[in-house]
Amino acid sequence: MIGSVKTFPEILSVVQTFCLFFQRFFSATKENDWIS
């Protein structure tokens, strides 16, 4: 990705953080009714 090989725990940490961010973004999107 950024030129360095990440270990498995680091990948899980990034994925977990991304999932949390995506859940918050998707929740806000639903609340604002941006998606029909």
PDB file of N, CA and C in Angstrom:
ATOM      1  N   MET A   1       0.831  -1.202   0.000  1.00  0.00           N
ATOM      2  CA  MET A   1       0.000   0.000   0.000  1.00  0.00           C
ATOM      3  C   MET A   1       0.874   1.263   0.000  1.00  0.00           C
ATOM      4  N   ILE A   2       1.604   1.457   1.101  1.00  0.00           N
ATOM      5  CA  ILE A   2       2.399   2.680   1.233  1.00  0.00           C
ATOM      6  C   ILE A   2       3.888   2.327   1.181  1.00  0.00           C
ATOM      7  N   GLY A   3       4.209   1.193   0.530  1.00  0.00           N
ATOM      8  CA  GLY A   3       5.602   0.817   0.355  1.00  0.00           C
ATOM      9  C   GLY A   3       6.169  -0.005   1.498  1.00  0.00           C
ATOM     10  N   SER A   4       5.387  -0.235   2.551  1.00  0.00           N
ATOM     11  CA  SER A   4       5.881  -1.035   3.664  1.00  0.00           C
ATOM     12  C   SER A   4       4.940  -2.206   3.911  1.00  0.00           C
ATOM     13  N   VAL A   5       5.520  -3.349   4.234  1.00  0.00           N
ATOM     14  CA  VAL A   5       4.701  -4.536   4.471  1.00  0.00           C
ATOM     15  C   VAL A   5       4.135  -4.477   5.880  1.00  0.00           C
ATOM     16  N   LYS A   6       2.821  -4.507   5.975  1.00  0.00           N
ATOM     17  CA  LYS A   6       2.179  -4.446   7.288  1.00  0.00           C
ATOM     18  C   LYS A   6       1.985  -5.849   7.847  1.00  0.00           C
ATOM     19  N   THR A   7       2.063  -5.954   9.165  1.00  0.00           N
ATOM     20  CA  THR A   7       1.816  -7.245   9.795  1.00  0.00           C
ATOM     21  C   THR A   7       0.318  -7.474   9.879  1.00  0.00           C
ATOM     22  N   PHE A   8      -0.075  -8.711  10.145  1.00  0.00           N
ATOM     23  CA  PHE A   8      -1.501  -9.039  10.183  1.00  0.00           C
ATOM     24  C   PHE A   8      -2.263  -8.214  11.220  1.00  0.00           C
ATOM     25  N   PRO A   9      -1.741  -8.072  12.455  1.00  0.00           N
ATOM     26  CA  PRO A   9      -2.443  -7.248  13.464  1.00  0.00           C
ATOM     27  C   PRO A   9      -2.617  -5.804  13.010  1.00  0.00           C
ATOM     28  N   GLU A  10      -1.616  -5.266  12.310  1.00  0.00           N
ATOM     29  CA  GLU A  10      -1.730  -3.883  11.832  1.00  0.00           C
ATOM     30  C   GLU A  10      -2.829  -3.777  10.792  1.00  0.00           C
ATOM     31  N   ILE A  11      -2.915  -4.789   9.917  1.00  0.00           N
ATOM     32  CA  ILE A  11      -3.962  -4.785   8.895  1.00  0.00           C
ATOM     33  C   ILE A  11      -5.326  -4.853   9.568  1.00  0.00           C
ATOM     34  N   LEU A  12      -5.471  -5.715  10.577  1.00  0.00           N
ATOM     35  CA  LEU A  12      -6.746  -5.830  11.283  1.00  0.00           C
ATOM     36  C   LEU A  12      -7.111  -4.509  11.939  1.00  0.00           C
ATOM     37  N   SER A  13      -6.113  -3.835  12.512  1.00  0.00           N
ATOM     38  CA  SER A  13      -6.364  -2.557  13.176  1.00  0.00           C
ATOM     39  C   SER A  13      -6.873  -1.525  12.177  1.00  0.00           C
ATOM     40  N   VAL A  14      -6.242  -1.477  11.007  1.00  0.00           N
ATOM     41  CA  VAL A  14      -6.664  -0.521   9.976  1.00  0.00           C
ATOM     42  C   VAL A  14      -8.068  -0.851   9.496  1.00  0.00           C
ATOM     43  N   VAL A  15      -8.326  -2.137   9.269  1.00  0.00           N
ATOM     44  CA  VAL A  15      -9.645  -2.551   8.793  1.00  0.00           C
ATOM     45  C   VAL A  15     -10.706  -2.223   9.832  1.00  0.00           C
ATOM     46  N   GLN A  16     -10.405  -2.484  11.109  1.00  0.00           N
ATOM     47  CA  GLN A  16     -11.368  -2.208  12.179  1.00  0.00           C
ATOM     48  C   GLN A  16     -11.674  -0.714  12.252  1.00  0.00           C
ATOM     49  N   THR A  17     -10.636   0.111  12.163  1.00  0.00           N
ATOM     50  CA  THR A  17     -10.825   1.561  12.200  1.00  0.00           C
ATOM     51  C   THR A  17     -11.662   2.017  11.017  1.00  0.00           C
ATOM     52  N   PHE A  18     -11.372   1.449   9.826  1.00  0.00           N
ATOM     53  CA  PHE A  18     -12.117   1.827   8.626  1.00  0.00           C
ATOM     54  C   PHE A  18     -13.576   1.425   8.756  1.00  0.00           C
ATOM     55  N   CYS A  19     -13.816   0.233   9.330  1.00  0.00           N
ATOM     56  CA  CYS A  19     -15.198  -0.237   9.494  1.00  0.00           C
ATOM     57  C   CYS A  19     -15.969   0.687  10.433  1.00  0.00           C
ATOM     58  N   LEU A  20     -15.331   1.110  11.527  1.00  0.00           N
ATOM     59  CA  LEU A  20     -15.989   2.011  12.469  1.00  0.00           C
ATOM     60  C   LEU A  20     -16.324   3.335  11.784  1.00  0.00           C
ATOM     61  N   PHE A  21     -15.372   3.863  11.010  1.00  0.00           N
ATOM     62  CA  PHE A  21     -15.598   5.118  10.295  1.00  0.00           C
ATOM     63  C   PHE A  21     -16.728   4.955   9.287  1.00  0.00           C
ATOM     64  N   PHE A  22     -16.738   3.825   8.567  1.00  0.00           N
ATOM     65  CA  PHE A  22     -17.762   3.588   7.549  1.00  0.00           C
ATOM     66  C   PHE A  22     -19.136   3.469   8.191  1.00  0.00           C
ATOM     67  N   GLN A  23     -19.201   2.803   9.363  1.00  0.00           N
ATOM     68  CA  GLN A  23     -20.481   2.652  10.055  1.00  0.00           C
ATOM     69  C   GLN A  23     -21.018   4.009  10.474  1.00  0.00           C
ATOM     70  N   ARG A  24     -20.152   4.880  10.980  1.00  0.00           N
ATOM     71  CA  ARG A  24     -20.587   6.216  11.402  1.00  0.00           C
ATOM     72  C   ARG A  24     -21.046   7.024  10.196  1.00  0.00           C
ATOM     73  N   PHE A  25     -20.292   6.949   9.091  1.00  0.00           N
ATOM     74  CA  PHE A  25     -20.637   7.689   7.880  1.00  0.00           C
ATOM     75  C   PHE A  25     -21.957   7.187   7.314  1.00  0.00           C
ATOM     76  N   PHE A  26     -22.135   5.871   7.271  1.00  0.00           N
ATOM     77  CA  PHE A  26     -23.357   5.290   6.720  1.00  0.00           C
ATOM     78  C   PHE A  26     -24.553   5.637   7.602  1.00  0.00           C
ATOM     79  N   SER A  27     -24.341   5.626   8.917  1.00  0.00           N
ATOM     80  CA  SER A  27     -25.422   5.961   9.846  1.00  0.00           C
ATOM     81  C   SER A  27     -25.850   7.414   9.644  1.00  0.00           C
ATOM     82  N   ALA A  28     -24.878   8.306   9.513  1.00  0.00           N
ATOM     83  CA  ALA A  28     -25.187   9.722   9.300  1.00  0.00           C
ATOM     84  C   ALA A  28     -25.896   9.902   7.966  1.00  0.00           C
ATOM     85  N   THR A  29     -25.490   9.129   6.972  1.00  0.00           N
ATOM     86  CA  THR A  29     -26.113   9.223   5.653  1.00  0.00           C
ATOM     87  C   THR A  29     -27.573   8.807   5.734  1.00  0.00           C
ATOM     88  N   LYS A  30     -27.846   7.732   6.461  1.00  0.00           N
ATOM     89  CA  LYS A  30     -29.228   7.271   6.603  1.00  0.00           C
ATOM     90  C   LYS A  30     -30.060   8.298   7.363  1.00  0.00           C
ATOM     91  N   GLU A  31     -29.493   8.862   8.426  1.00  0.00           N
ATOM     92  CA  GLU A  31     -30.227   9.822   9.247  1.00  0.00           C
ATOM     93  C   GLU A  31     -30.569  11.072   8.435  1.00  0.00           C
ATOM     94  N   ASN A  32     -29.656  11.468   7.557  1.00  0.00           N
ATOM     95  CA  ASN A  32     -29.892  12.661   6.739  1.00  0.00           C
ATOM     96  C   ASN A  32     -30.699  12.341   5.497  1.00  0.00           C
ATOM     97  N   ASP A  33     -30.973  11.053   5.297  1.00  0.00           N
ATOM     98  CA  ASP A  33     -31.802  10.613   4.167  1.00  0.00           C
ATOM     99  C   ASP A  33     -31.202  11.039   2.834  1.00  0.00           C
ATOM    100  N   TRP A  34     -29.872  10.893   2.702  1.00  0.00           N
ATOM    101  CA  TRP A  34     -29.219  11.209   1.443  1.00  0.00           C
ATOM    102  C   TRP A  34     -29.488  10.107   0.425  1.00  0.00           C
ATOM    103  N   ILE A  35     -29.743   8.886   0.943  1.00  0.00           N
ATOM    104  CA  ILE A  35     -30.002   7.754   0.052  1.00  0.00           C
ATOM    105  C   ILE A  35     -31.481   7.406   0.125  1.00  0.00           C
ATOM    106  N   SER A  36     -32.139   7.312  -0.998  1.00  0.00           N
ATOM    107  CA  SER A  36     -33.575   7.028  -1.021  1.00  0.00           C
ATOM    108  C   SER A  36     -33.829   5.596  -0.557  1.00  0.00           C
TER     109      SER A  36
END
